[in-house]
PDB file of N, CA and C in Angstrom:
ATOM      1  N   UNK A   1      -5.091  -3.184  30.117  1.00  0.00           N
ATOM      2  CA  UNK A   1      -4.598  -2.470  29.093  1.00  0.00           C
ATOM      3  C   UNK A   1      -4.297  -1.127  29.610  1.00  0.00           C
ATOM      4  N   UNK A   2      -2.977  -0.634  29.401  1.00  0.00           N
ATOM      5  CA  UNK A   2      -2.871   0.904  29.889  1.00  0.00           C
ATOM      6  C   UNK A   2      -2.682   1.678  28.528  1.00  0.00           C
ATOM      7  N   UNK A   3      -2.720   2.911  28.675  1.00  0.00           N
ATOM      8  CA  UNK A   3      -2.381   3.949  27.862  1.00  0.00           C
ATOM      9  C   UNK A   3      -1.125   3.821  27.445  1.00  0.00           C
ATOM     10  N   UNK A   4      -0.462   3.444  26.220  1.00  0.00           N
ATOM     11  CA  UNK A   4       0.866   3.645  25.888  1.00  0.00           C
ATOM     12  C   UNK A   4       1.539   4.883  25.505  1.00  0.00           C
ATOM     13  N   UNK A   5       2.552   5.501  26.245  1.00  0.00           N
ATOM     14  CA  UNK A   5       3.359   6.689  26.031  1.00  0.00           C
ATOM     15  C   UNK A   5       4.328   6.359  24.818  1.00  0.00           C
ATOM     16  N   UNK A   6       4.032   7.221  23.759  1.00  0.00           N
ATOM     17  CA  UNK A   6       4.876   7.009  22.555  1.00  0.00           C
ATOM     18  C   UNK A   6       5.613   8.397  22.352  1.00  0.00           C
ATOM     19  N   UNK A   7       6.907   8.266  22.038  1.00  0.00           N
ATOM     20  CA  UNK A   7       7.729   9.517  21.592  1.00  0.00           C
ATOM     21  C   UNK A   7       8.611   9.145  20.557  1.00  0.00           C
ATOM     22  N   UNK A   8       8.920   7.941  19.971  1.00  0.00           N
ATOM     23  CA  UNK A   8       9.691   7.852  18.636  1.00  0.00           C
ATOM     24  C   UNK A   8       8.904   7.337  17.672  1.00  0.00           C
ATOM     25  N   UNK A   9       9.118   7.577  16.448  1.00  0.00           N
ATOM     26  CA  UNK A   9       8.618   6.937  15.018  1.00  0.00           C
ATOM     27  C   UNK A   9       8.650   5.340  15.192  1.00  0.00           C
ATOM     28  N   UNK A  10       9.623   4.738  15.643  1.00  0.00           N
ATOM     29  CA  UNK A  10       9.761   3.320  15.881  1.00  0.00           C
ATOM     30  C   UNK A  10       8.763   2.878  16.782  1.00  0.00           C
ATOM     31  N   UNK A  11       8.407   3.392  18.009  1.00  0.00           N
ATOM     32  CA  UNK A  11       7.496   3.138  18.809  1.00  0.00           C
ATOM     33  C   UNK A  11       6.256   3.224  18.275  1.00  0.00           C
ATOM     34  N   UNK A  12       5.822   4.081  17.539  1.00  0.00           N
ATOM     35  CA  UNK A  12       4.585   4.297  17.074  1.00  0.00           C
ATOM     36  C   UNK A  12       4.573   3.073  15.849  1.00  0.00           C
ATOM     37  N   UNK A  13       5.352   2.956  15.095  1.00  0.00           N
ATOM     38  CA  UNK A  13       5.019   1.831  14.115  1.00  0.00           C
ATOM     39  C   UNK A  13       4.900   0.507  14.506  1.00  0.00           C
ATOM     40  N   UNK A  14       5.624   0.267  15.676  1.00  0.00           N
ATOM     41  CA  UNK A  14       5.470  -1.192  16.285  1.00  0.00           C
ATOM     42  C   UNK A  14       4.144  -1.087  17.075  1.00  0.00           C
ATOM     43  N   UNK A  15       3.673   0.136  17.682  1.00  0.00           N
ATOM     44  CA  UNK A  15       2.383  -0.073  18.020  1.00  0.00           C
ATOM     45  C   UNK A  15       1.442  -0.165  17.098  1.00  0.00           C
ATOM     46  N   UNK A  16       1.309   0.296  16.085  1.00  0.00           N
ATOM     47  CA  UNK A  16       0.321   0.171  14.864  1.00  0.00           C
ATOM     48  C   UNK A  16       0.495  -1.070  14.132  1.00  0.00           C
ATOM     49  N   UNK A  17       1.633  -1.429  13.670  1.00  0.00           N
ATOM     50  CA  UNK A  17       1.946  -2.388  12.891  1.00  0.00           C
ATOM     51  C   UNK A  17       2.647  -3.671  13.339  1.00  0.00           C
ATOM     52  N   UNK A  18       2.163  -4.115  14.747  1.00  0.00           N
ATOM     53  CA  UNK A  18       2.685  -5.371  14.992  1.00  0.00           C
ATOM     54  C   UNK A  18       2.306  -6.456  14.528  1.00  0.00           C
ATOM     55  N   UNK A  19       2.846  -7.361  13.721  1.00  0.00           N
ATOM     56  CA  UNK A  19       2.317  -8.483  12.962  1.00  0.00           C
ATOM     57  C   UNK A  19       1.662  -9.421  13.744  1.00  0.00           C
ATOM     58  N   UNK A  20       1.968  -9.540  14.974  1.00  0.00           N
ATOM     59  CA  UNK A  20       1.214 -10.494  15.995  1.00  0.00           C
ATOM     60  C   UNK A  20      -0.067 -10.226  16.390  1.00  0.00           C
ATOM     61  N   UNK A  21      -0.496  -9.002  15.913  1.00  0.00           N
ATOM     62  CA  UNK A  21      -1.722  -8.647  16.421  1.00  0.00           C
ATOM     63  C   UNK A  21      -2.955  -9.059  15.277  1.00  0.00           C
ATOM     64  N   UNK A  22      -4.172  -9.493  15.960  1.00  0.00           N
ATOM     65  CA  UNK A  22      -4.884 -10.065  15.078  1.00  0.00           C
ATOM     66  C   UNK A  22      -5.622  -9.062  14.159  1.00  0.00           C
ATOM     67  N   UNK A  23      -6.198  -9.785  12.908  1.00  0.00           N
ATOM     68  CA  UNK A  23      -6.716  -8.600  12.030  1.00  0.00           C
ATOM     69  C   UNK A  23      -7.888  -7.975  12.692  1.00  0.00           C
ATOM     70  N   UNK A  24      -8.214  -6.584  12.154  1.00  0.00           N
ATOM     71  CA  UNK A  24      -9.337  -6.007  12.739  1.00  0.00           C
ATOM     72  C   UNK A  24      -8.967  -5.251  14.189  1.00  0.00           C
ATOM     73  N   UNK A  25      -7.716  -5.420  14.294  1.00  0.00           N
ATOM     74  CA  UNK A  25      -7.092  -4.480  15.516  1.00  0.00           C
ATOM     75  C   UNK A  25      -7.328  -3.075  15.491  1.00  0.00           C
ATOM     76  N   UNK A  26      -8.044  -2.377  16.420  1.00  0.00           N
ATOM     77  CA  UNK A  26      -8.047  -1.004  16.684  1.00  0.00           C
ATOM     78  C   UNK A  26      -7.345  -0.264  17.412  1.00  0.00           C
ATOM     79  N   UNK A  27      -6.873   0.847  17.153  1.00  0.00           N
ATOM     80  CA  UNK A  27      -6.090   1.696  17.827  1.00  0.00           C
ATOM     81  C   UNK A  27      -6.535   3.077  17.841  1.00  0.00           C
ATOM     82  N   UNK A  28      -6.146   3.902  18.938  1.00  0.00           N
ATOM     83  CA  UNK A  28      -6.461   5.400  18.933  1.00  0.00           C
ATOM     84  C   UNK A  28      -5.064   5.848  19.564  1.00  0.00           C
ATOM     85  N   UNK A  29      -4.478   6.857  18.563  1.00  0.00           N
ATOM     86  CA  UNK A  29      -3.515   7.857  19.330  1.00  0.00           C
ATOM     87  C   UNK A  29      -4.026   9.085  19.598  1.00  0.00           C
ATOM     88  N   UNK A  30      -3.807   9.596  20.858  1.00  0.00           N
ATOM     89  CA  UNK A  30      -4.130  10.672  21.321  1.00  0.00           C
ATOM     90  C   UNK A  30      -3.019  11.657  21.404  1.00  0.00           C
ATOM     91  N   UNK A  31      -3.063  12.702  20.679  1.00  0.00           N
ATOM     92  CA  UNK A  31      -2.060  13.689  20.524  1.00  0.00           C
ATOM     93  C   UNK A  31      -2.416  14.748  21.541  1.00  0.00           C
ATOM     94  N   UNK A  32      -1.377  15.094  22.268  1.00  0.00           N
ATOM     95  CA  UNK A  32      -1.627  16.255  23.041  1.00  0.00           C
ATOM     96  C   UNK A  32      -0.386  17.126  23.444  1.00  0.00           C
ATOM     97  N   UNK A  33      -0.566  18.074  24.348  1.00  0.00           N
ATOM     98  CA  UNK A  33       0.817  18.669  25.029  1.00  0.00           C
ATOM     99  C   UNK A  33       0.647  19.232  26.314  1.00  0.00           C
ATOM    100  N   UNK A  34       1.622  19.047  27.303  1.00  0.00           N
ATOM    101  CA  UNK A  34       1.563  19.388  28.492  1.00  0.00           C
ATOM    102  C   UNK A  34       1.047  21.047  28.734  1.00  0.00           C
ATOM    103  N   UNK A  35       1.288  21.725  27.811  1.00  0.00           N
ATOM    104  CA  UNK A  35       1.052  23.369  27.825  1.00  0.00           C
ATOM    105  C   UNK A  35      -0.222  23.446  27.329  1.00  0.00           C
ATOM    106  N   UNK A  36      -1.178  22.546  26.895  1.00  0.00           N
ATOM    107  CA  UNK A  36      -2.387  22.666  26.430  1.00  0.00           C
ATOM    108  C   UNK A  36      -3.383  22.627  27.318  1.00  0.00           C
ATOM    109  N   UNK A  37      -4.188  23.644  27.861  1.00  0.00           N
ATOM    110  CA  UNK A  37      -5.581  23.729  28.823  1.00  0.00           C
ATOM    111  C   UNK A  37      -6.253  22.484  28.129  1.00  0.00           C
ATOM    112  N   UNK A  38      -7.051  22.679  26.938  1.00  0.00           N
ATOM    113  CA  UNK A  38      -7.800  21.822  26.259  1.00  0.00           C
ATOM    114  C   UNK A  38      -7.268  20.284  26.541  1.00  0.00           C
ATOM    115  N   UNK A  39      -6.202  20.000  26.292  1.00  0.00           N
ATOM    116  CA  UNK A  39      -5.460  18.668  26.302  1.00  0.00           C
ATOM    117  C   UNK A  39      -5.449  17.976  27.820  1.00  0.00           C
ATOM    118  N   UNK A  40      -5.529  18.979  28.661  1.00  0.00           N
ATOM    119  CA  UNK A  40      -5.626  18.571  30.206  1.00  0.00           C
ATOM    120  C   UNK A  40      -6.859  18.151  30.325  1.00  0.00           C
ATOM    121  N   UNK A  41      -7.827  18.885  29.712  1.00  0.00           N
ATOM    122  CA  UNK A  41      -9.358  18.675  30.230  1.00  0.00           C
ATOM    123  C   UNK A  41      -9.569  17.181  29.384  1.00  0.00           C
ATOM    124  N   UNK A  42      -9.052  17.171  28.030  1.00  0.00           N
ATOM    125  CA  UNK A  42      -9.264  15.780  27.413  1.00  0.00           C
ATOM    126  C   UNK A  42      -8.766  14.845  28.002  1.00  0.00           C
ATOM    127  N   UNK A  43      -7.617  14.652  28.750  1.00  0.00           N
ATOM    128  CA  UNK A  43      -6.735  13.621  29.303  1.00  0.00           C
ATOM    129  C   UNK A  43      -7.772  12.744  30.248  1.00  0.00           C
ATOM    130  N   UNK A  44      -8.569  13.123  30.978  1.00  0.00           N
ATOM    131  CA  UNK A  44      -9.429  12.445  31.690  1.00  0.00           C
ATOM    132  C   UNK A  44     -10.618  11.726  30.810  1.00  0.00           C
ATOM    133  N   UNK A  45     -10.809  12.691  29.891  1.00  0.00           N
ATOM    134  CA  UNK A  45     -11.987  11.929  28.818  1.00  0.00           C
ATOM    135  C   UNK A  45     -11.482  10.886  28.213  1.00  0.00           C
ATOM    136  N   UNK A  46     -10.235  10.985  27.627  1.00  0.00           N
ATOM    137  CA  UNK A  46      -9.850   9.896  27.050  1.00  0.00           C
ATOM    138  C   UNK A  46      -9.400   8.603  28.070  1.00  0.00           C
ATOM    139  N   UNK A  47      -9.048   8.935  29.184  1.00  0.00           N
ATOM    140  CA  UNK A  47      -9.058   7.821  30.290  1.00  0.00           C
ATOM    141  C   UNK A  47     -10.170   7.146  30.448  1.00  0.00           C
ATOM    142  N   UNK A  48     -11.469   7.664  30.527  1.00  0.00           N
ATOM    143  CA  UNK A  48     -12.631   7.245  30.560  1.00  0.00           C
ATOM    144  C   UNK A  48     -12.863   6.412  29.340  1.00  0.00           C
ATOM    145  N   UNK A  49     -12.565   7.085  28.246  1.00  0.00           N
ATOM    146  CA  UNK A  49     -12.939   6.226  26.956  1.00  0.00           C
ATOM    147  C   UNK A  49     -12.302   4.789  27.032  1.00  0.00           C
ATOM    148  N   UNK A  50     -10.712   4.956  27.375  1.00  0.00           N
ATOM    149  CA  UNK A  50     -10.092   3.884  27.380  1.00  0.00           C
ATOM    150  C   UNK A  50     -10.654   2.752  28.155  1.00  0.00           C
ATOM    151  N   UNK A  51     -11.065   2.982  29.403  1.00  0.00           N
ATOM    152  CA  UNK A  51     -11.669   2.025  30.370  1.00  0.00           C
ATOM    153  C   UNK A  51     -13.038   1.433  29.868  1.00  0.00           C
ATOM    154  N   UNK A  52     -13.549   2.058  28.819  1.00  0.00           N
ATOM    155  CA  UNK A  52     -14.893   1.546  28.643  1.00  0.00           C
ATOM    156  C   UNK A  52     -14.607   0.802  27.173  1.00  0.00           C
ATOM    157  N   UNK A  53     -13.577   0.868  26.723  1.00  0.00           N
ATOM    158  CA  UNK A  53     -13.238   0.522  25.200  1.00  0.00           C
ATOM    159  C   UNK A  53     -11.942  -0.447  25.266  1.00  0.00           C
ATOM    160  N   UNK A  54     -12.205  -1.605  25.934  1.00  0.00           N
ATOM    161  CA  UNK A  54     -11.205  -2.727  26.251  1.00  0.00           C
ATOM    162  C   UNK A  54     -10.604  -3.117  24.668  1.00  0.00           C
ATOM    163  N   UNK A  55     -11.397  -3.191  23.858  1.00  0.00           N
ATOM    164  CA  UNK A  55     -10.802  -3.997  22.574  1.00  0.00           C
ATOM    165  C   UNK A  55      -9.885  -2.905  21.598  1.00  0.00           C
ATOM    166  N   UNK A  56      -9.912  -1.720  22.318  1.00  0.00           N
ATOM    167  CA  UNK A  56      -9.060  -0.700  21.362  1.00  0.00           C
ATOM    168  C   UNK A  56      -7.867  -0.382  22.071  1.00  0.00           C
ATOM    169  N   UNK A  57      -6.714  -0.514  21.365  1.00  0.00           N
ATOM    170  CA  UNK A  57      -5.277  -0.128  22.155  1.00  0.00           C
ATOM    171  C   UNK A  57      -5.279   1.376  21.969  1.00  0.00           C
ATOM    172  N   UNK A  58      -4.683   1.902  23.102  1.00  0.00           N
ATOM    173  CA  UNK A  58      -4.484   3.445  23.128  1.00  0.00           C
ATOM    174  C   UNK A  58      -3.173   3.750  23.379  1.00  0.00           C
ATOM    175  N   UNK A  59      -2.843   4.864  22.488  1.00  0.00           N
ATOM    176  CA  UNK A  59      -1.300   5.462  22.649  1.00  0.00           C
ATOM    177  C   UNK A  59      -1.590   6.864  22.798  1.00  0.00           C
ATOM    178  N   UNK A  60      -0.449   7.429  23.596  1.00  0.00           N
ATOM    179  CA  UNK A  60      -0.555   8.739  23.720  1.00  0.00           C
ATOM    180  C   UNK A  60       0.816   9.359  23.110  1.00  0.00           C
ATOM    181  N   UNK A  61       0.763  10.592  22.706  1.00  0.00           N
ATOM    182  CA  UNK A  61       1.893  11.470  22.075  1.00  0.00           C
ATOM    183  C   UNK A  61       1.728  12.824  22.618  1.00  0.00           C
ATOM    184  N   UNK A  62       2.865  13.247  23.103  1.00  0.00           N
ATOM    185  CA  UNK A  62       2.929  14.609  23.533  1.00  0.00           C
ATOM    186  C   UNK A  62       3.836  15.332  22.250  1.00  0.00           C
ATOM    187  N   UNK A  63       3.133  16.223  21.591  1.00  0.00           N
ATOM    188  CA  UNK A  63       3.890  16.696  20.458  1.00  0.00           C
ATOM    189  C   UNK A  63       4.976  17.532  20.799  1.00  0.00           C
ATOM    190  N   UNK A  64       5.049  18.176  21.858  1.00  0.00           N
ATOM    191  CA  UNK A  64       6.273  18.990  22.269  1.00  0.00           C
ATOM    192  C   UNK A  64       7.655  18.004  22.437  1.00  0.00           C
ATOM    193  N   UNK A  65       7.368  16.953  22.613  1.00  0.00           N
ATOM    194  CA  UNK A  65       8.362  15.566  22.875  1.00  0.00           C
ATOM    195  C   UNK A  65       8.758  14.981  21.805  1.00  0.00           C
ATOM    196  N   UNK A  66       7.450  15.113  20.749  1.00  0.00           N
ATOM    197  CA  UNK A  66       7.804  14.473  19.472  1.00  0.00           C
ATOM    198  C   UNK A  66       7.278  15.052  18.366  1.00  0.00           C
ATOM    199  N   UNK A  67       7.945  16.103  18.118  1.00  0.00           N
ATOM    200  CA  UNK A  67       6.989  17.036  17.157  1.00  0.00           C
ATOM    201  C   UNK A  67       6.961  16.679  15.650  1.00  0.00           C
ATOM    202  N   UNK A  68       7.746  15.563  15.499  1.00  0.00           N
ATOM    203  CA  UNK A  68       7.405  15.237  13.903  1.00  0.00           C
ATOM    204  C   UNK A  68       6.418  14.165  13.736  1.00  0.00           C
ATOM    205  N   UNK A  69       5.824  13.873  14.795  1.00  0.00           N
ATOM    206  CA  UNK A  69       4.759  12.492  14.636  1.00  0.00           C
ATOM    207  C   UNK A  69       3.452  13.061  14.270  1.00  0.00           C
ATOM    208  N   UNK A  70       3.100  14.164  14.877  1.00  0.00           N
ATOM    209  CA  UNK A  70       1.624  14.698  14.547  1.00  0.00           C
ATOM    210  C   UNK A  70       1.399  15.124  13.104  1.00  0.00           C
ATOM    211  N   UNK A  71       2.396  15.851  12.282  1.00  0.00           N
ATOM    212  CA  UNK A  71       2.307  16.132  10.921  1.00  0.00           C
ATOM    213  C   UNK A  71       2.425  14.654  10.249  1.00  0.00           C
ATOM    214  N   UNK A  72       3.001  13.765  10.536  1.00  0.00           N
ATOM    215  CA  UNK A  72       3.241  12.523   9.853  1.00  0.00           C
ATOM    216  C   UNK A  72       1.880  11.780   9.765  1.00  0.00           C
ATOM    217  N   UNK A  73       0.710  12.134  10.675  1.00  0.00           N
ATOM    218  CA  UNK A  73      -0.594  11.587  10.574  1.00  0.00           C
ATOM    219  C   UNK A  73      -1.506  12.658  10.432  1.00  0.00           C
ATOM    220  N   UNK A  74      -1.048  13.855   9.680  1.00  0.00           N
ATOM    221  CA  UNK A  74      -2.238  14.912   9.377  1.00  0.00           C
ATOM    222  C   UNK A  74      -2.728  15.602  10.687  1.00  0.00           C
ATOM    223  N   UNK A  75      -2.061  15.399  11.769  1.00  0.00           N
ATOM    224  CA  UNK A  75      -2.662  16.026  12.999  1.00  0.00           C
ATOM    225  C   UNK A  75      -2.296  17.758  13.047  1.00  0.00           C
ATOM    226  N   UNK A  76      -3.266  18.516  13.065  1.00  0.00           N
ATOM    227  CA  UNK A  76      -3.047  19.891  12.861  1.00  0.00           C
ATOM    228  C   UNK A  76      -3.286  20.788  14.232  1.00  0.00           C
ATOM    229  N   UNK A  77      -3.737  20.233  14.975  1.00  0.00           N
ATOM    230  CA  UNK A  77      -4.040  20.832  16.379  1.00  0.00           C
ATOM    231  C   UNK A  77      -4.122  19.834  17.307  1.00  0.00           C
ATOM    232  N   UNK A  78      -3.978  20.311  18.748  1.00  0.00           N
ATOM    233  CA  UNK A  78      -3.959  19.490  19.911  1.00  0.00           C
ATOM    234  C   UNK A  78      -5.186  20.091  20.700  1.00  0.00           C
ATOM    235  N   UNK A  79      -5.974  19.092  21.463  1.00  0.00           N
ATOM    236  CA  UNK A  79      -5.917  17.780  21.290  1.00  0.00           C
ATOM    237  C   UNK A  79      -6.519  17.297  20.148  1.00  0.00           C
ATOM    238  N   UNK A  80      -6.193  15.889  19.736  1.00  0.00           N
ATOM    239  CA  UNK A  80      -6.653  15.111  18.420  1.00  0.00           C
ATOM    240  C   UNK A  80      -6.351  13.656  18.878  1.00  0.00           C
ATOM    241  N   UNK A  81      -7.479  13.135  18.435  1.00  0.00           N
ATOM    242  CA  UNK A  81      -7.266  11.594  18.281  1.00  0.00           C
ATOM    243  C   UNK A  81      -7.246  11.323  17.090  1.00  0.00           C
ATOM    244  N   UNK A  82      -6.441  10.114  16.655  1.00  0.00           N
ATOM    245  CA  UNK A  82      -6.380   9.534  15.246  1.00  0.00           C
ATOM    246  C   UNK A  82      -6.649   8.067  15.462  1.00  0.00           C
ATOM    247  N   UNK A  83      -7.747   7.656  14.766  1.00  0.00           N
ATOM    248  CA  UNK A  83      -8.432   6.330  14.841  1.00  0.00           C
ATOM    249  C   UNK A  83      -7.771   5.585  13.773  1.00  0.00           C
ATOM    250  N   UNK A  84      -7.389   4.214  14.171  1.00  0.00           N
ATOM    251  CA  UNK A  84      -6.813   3.169  13.224  1.00  0.00           C
ATOM    252  C   UNK A  84      -7.587   1.821  13.342  1.00  0.00           C
ATOM    253  N   UNK A  85      -7.532   1.337  12.022  1.00  0.00           N
ATOM    254  CA  UNK A  85      -7.981   0.009  12.141  1.00  0.00           C
ATOM    255  C   UNK A  85      -6.948  -0.650  11.277  1.00  0.00           C
ATOM    256  N   UNK A  86      -6.569  -1.834  11.501  1.00  0.00           N
ATOM    257  CA  UNK A  86      -5.551  -2.615  11.009  1.00  0.00           C
ATOM    258  C   UNK A  86      -4.488  -1.770  10.594  1.00  0.00           C
ATOM    259  N   UNK A  87      -3.938  -0.754  11.390  1.00  0.00           N
ATOM    260  CA  UNK A  87      -2.897   0.297  10.968  1.00  0.00           C
ATOM    261  C   UNK A  87      -3.197   1.210   9.988  1.00  0.00           C
ATOM    262  N   UNK A  88      -4.526   1.238   9.514  1.00  0.00           N
ATOM    263  CA  UNK A  88      -4.770   2.447   8.573  1.00  0.00           C
ATOM    264  C   UNK A  88      -5.878   3.312   9.147  1.00  0.00           C
ATOM    265  N   UNK A  89      -5.205   4.546   9.165  1.00  0.00           N
ATOM    266  CA  UNK A  89      -5.887   5.623   9.508  1.00  0.00           C
ATOM    267  C   UNK A  89      -7.203   5.811   9.020  1.00  0.00           C
ATOM    268  N   UNK A  90      -8.403   5.843   9.937  1.00  0.00           N
ATOM    269  CA  UNK A  90      -9.743   5.710   9.438  1.00  0.00           C
ATOM    270  C   UNK A  90     -10.540   7.360   9.752  1.00  0.00           C
ATOM    271  N   UNK A  91      -9.976   7.885  10.807  1.00  0.00           N
ATOM    272  CA  UNK A  91     -10.716   9.248  11.059  1.00  0.00           C
ATOM    273  C   UNK A  91      -9.707   9.885  11.999  1.00  0.00           C
ATOM    274  N   UNK A  92     -10.058  11.285  12.298  1.00  0.00           N
ATOM    275  CA  UNK A  92      -9.217  12.053  13.063  1.00  0.00           C
ATOM    276  C   UNK A  92     -10.404  13.041  13.859  1.00  0.00           C
ATOM    277  N   UNK A  93     -10.141  13.043  15.210  1.00  0.00           N
ATOM    278  CA  UNK A  93     -11.046  13.853  15.923  1.00  0.00           C
ATOM    279  C   UNK A  93     -10.587  14.741  16.589  1.00  0.00           C
ATOM    280  N   UNK A  94     -10.465  16.213  16.283  1.00  0.00           N
ATOM    281  CA  UNK A  94      -9.794  17.376  16.822  1.00  0.00           C
ATOM    282  C   UNK A  94     -10.799  18.137  17.832  1.00  0.00           C
ATOM    283  N   UNK A  95      -9.910  18.497  18.531  1.00  0.00           N
ATOM    284  CA  UNK A  95     -10.651  19.324  19.616  1.00  0.00           C
ATOM    285  C   UNK A  95     -11.161  18.649  20.966  1.00  0.00           C
ATOM    286  N   UNK A  96     -11.573  19.718  21.866  1.00  0.00           N
ATOM    287  CA  UNK A  96     -12.075  19.016  23.168  1.00  0.00           C
ATOM    288  C   UNK A  96     -13.382  18.703  23.101  1.00  0.00           C
ATOM    289  N   UNK A  97     -13.575  17.317  23.055  1.00  0.00           N
ATOM    290  CA  UNK A  97     -14.890  16.719  23.051  1.00  0.00           C
ATOM    291  C   UNK A  97     -15.488  15.891  24.168  1.00  0.00           C
ATOM    292  N   UNK A  98     -16.695  16.227  24.548  1.00  0.00           N
ATOM    293  CA  UNK A  98     -17.459  15.435  25.679  1.00  0.00           C
ATOM    294  C   UNK A  98     -17.438  14.106  25.551  1.00  0.00           C
ATOM    295  N   UNK A  99     -17.301  13.367  26.544  1.00  0.00           N
ATOM    296  CA  UNK A  99     -17.197  11.822  26.585  1.00  0.00           C
ATOM    297  C   UNK A  99     -18.240  11.395  25.820  1.00  0.00           C
ATOM    298  N   UNK A 100     -19.575  11.530  26.132  1.00  0.00           N
ATOM    299  CA  UNK A 100     -20.694  11.057  25.533  1.00  0.00           C
ATOM    300  C   UNK A 100     -20.694  11.155  23.651  1.00  0.00           C
ATOM    301  N   UNK A 101     -20.256  12.576  23.269  1.00  0.00           N
ATOM    302  CA  UNK A 101     -20.044  12.723  22.002  1.00  0.00           C
ATOM    303  C   UNK A 101     -18.883  12.043  21.256  1.00  0.00           C
ATOM    304  N   UNK A 102     -17.690  11.990  22.176  1.00  0.00           N
ATOM    305  CA  UNK A 102     -16.453  11.117  21.793  1.00  0.00           C
ATOM    306  C   UNK A 102     -16.820   9.747  21.637  1.00  0.00           C
ATOM    307  N   UNK A 103     -17.516   9.109  22.432  1.00  0.00           N
ATOM    308  CA  UNK A 103     -17.924   7.726  22.366  1.00  0.00           C
ATOM    309  C   UNK A 103     -18.789   7.691  21.131  1.00  0.00           C
ATOM    310  N   UNK A 104     -19.631   8.361  20.855  1.00  0.00           N
ATOM    311  CA  UNK A 104     -20.513   8.033  19.499  1.00  0.00           C
ATOM    312  C   UNK A 104     -19.704   8.164  18.295  1.00  0.00           C
ATOM    313  N   UNK A 105     -18.770   9.195  18.304  1.00  0.00           N
ATOM    314  CA  UNK A 105     -18.034   9.475  17.163  1.00  0.00           C
ATOM    315  C   UNK A 105     -16.933   8.294  16.902  1.00  0.00           C
ATOM    316  N   UNK A 106     -16.409   7.924  18.017  1.00  0.00           N
ATOM    317  CA  UNK A 106     -15.432   6.591  17.610  1.00  0.00           C
ATOM    318  C   UNK A 106     -16.079   5.369  17.357  1.00  0.00           C
ATOM    319  N   UNK A 107     -17.375   5.265  17.941  1.00  0.00           N
ATOM    320  CA  UNK A 107     -18.065   3.923  17.425  1.00  0.00           C
ATOM    321  C   UNK A 107     -18.513   4.193  16.061  1.00  0.00           C
ATOM    322  N   UNK A 108     -19.032   5.242  15.726  1.00  0.00           N
ATOM    323  CA  UNK A 108     -19.380   5.589  14.385  1.00  0.00           C
ATOM    324  C   UNK A 108     -18.332   5.470  13.250  1.00  0.00           C
ATOM    325  N   UNK A 109     -17.091   5.603  13.541  1.00  0.00           N
ATOM    326  CA  UNK A 109     -15.712   5.847  12.674  1.00  0.00           C
ATOM    327  C   UNK A 109     -15.433   4.380  12.484  1.00  0.00           C
ATOM    328  N   UNK A 110     -15.370   3.440  13.720  1.00  0.00           N
ATOM    329  CA  UNK A 110     -15.046   2.194  13.599  1.00  0.00           C
ATOM    330  C   UNK A 110     -16.145   1.295  12.952  1.00  0.00           C
ATOM    331  N   UNK A 111     -17.348   1.827  12.824  1.00  0.00           N
ATOM    332  CA  UNK A 111     -18.354   1.097  12.299  1.00  0.00           C
ATOM    333  C   UNK A 111     -18.444   1.378  10.582  1.00  0.00           C
ATOM    334  N   UNK A 112     -17.527   2.409  10.145  1.00  0.00           N
ATOM    335  CA  UNK A 112     -17.502   2.840   8.892  1.00  0.00           C
ATOM    336  C   UNK A 112     -17.949   3.722   8.280  1.00  0.00           C
ATOM    337  N   UNK A 113     -18.520   4.629   9.337  1.00  0.00           N
ATOM    338  CA  UNK A 113     -19.108   6.085   8.967  1.00  0.00           C
ATOM    339  C   UNK A 113     -18.033   7.059   9.092  1.00  0.00           C
ATOM    340  N   UNK A 114     -17.771   7.977   8.009  1.00  0.00           N
ATOM    341  CA  UNK A 114     -16.749   8.973   8.157  1.00  0.00           C
ATOM    342  C   UNK A 114     -17.091   9.809   9.149  1.00  0.00           C
ATOM    343  N   UNK A 115     -16.116  10.198   9.940  1.00  0.00           N
ATOM    344  CA  UNK A 115     -16.543  11.180  11.067  1.00  0.00           C
ATOM    345  C   UNK A 115     -15.277  12.119  11.272  1.00  0.00           C
ATOM    346  N   UNK A 116     -14.432  12.290  10.395  1.00  0.00           N
ATOM    347  CA  UNK A 116     -13.198  12.887  10.469  1.00  0.00           C
ATOM    348  C   UNK A 116     -13.331  14.358  10.489  1.00  0.00           C
ATOM    349  N   UNK A 117     -12.805  15.133  11.283  1.00  0.00           N
ATOM    350  CA  UNK A 117     -13.030  16.450  11.577  1.00  0.00           C
ATOM    351  C   UNK A 117     -11.672  17.180  11.922  1.00  0.00           C
ATOM    352  N   UNK A 118     -11.398  18.504  11.448  1.00  0.00           N
ATOM    353  CA  UNK A 118     -10.383  19.155  11.619  1.00  0.00           C
ATOM    354  C   UNK A 118     -10.365  20.418  11.946  1.00  0.00           C
TER     355      UNK A 118
END
């Protein structure tokens, strides 16, 4: 599975709300911008997380190309990750986060522990 680039609201809607997906579907949207140095650093971390989290669908949104999408999900800064279970937003992880801490926060969020920070 690859990280899906998303730029249009209908693409995000299909990515999150696909009726063919099984119940319990988990997804992460990674919000970044090409001009953002921390985003460039986080890109490799997100790719590593993606390689180790086979059961999670990953999407990527460049806020410069899709400026309306970040506010629609409560994203106030980049880099940020929005975590979803069954198309419901369960957590936002903002800022540049090391892989080990990010993995822990993602696991905690999907286990039902609130880890949303902005």
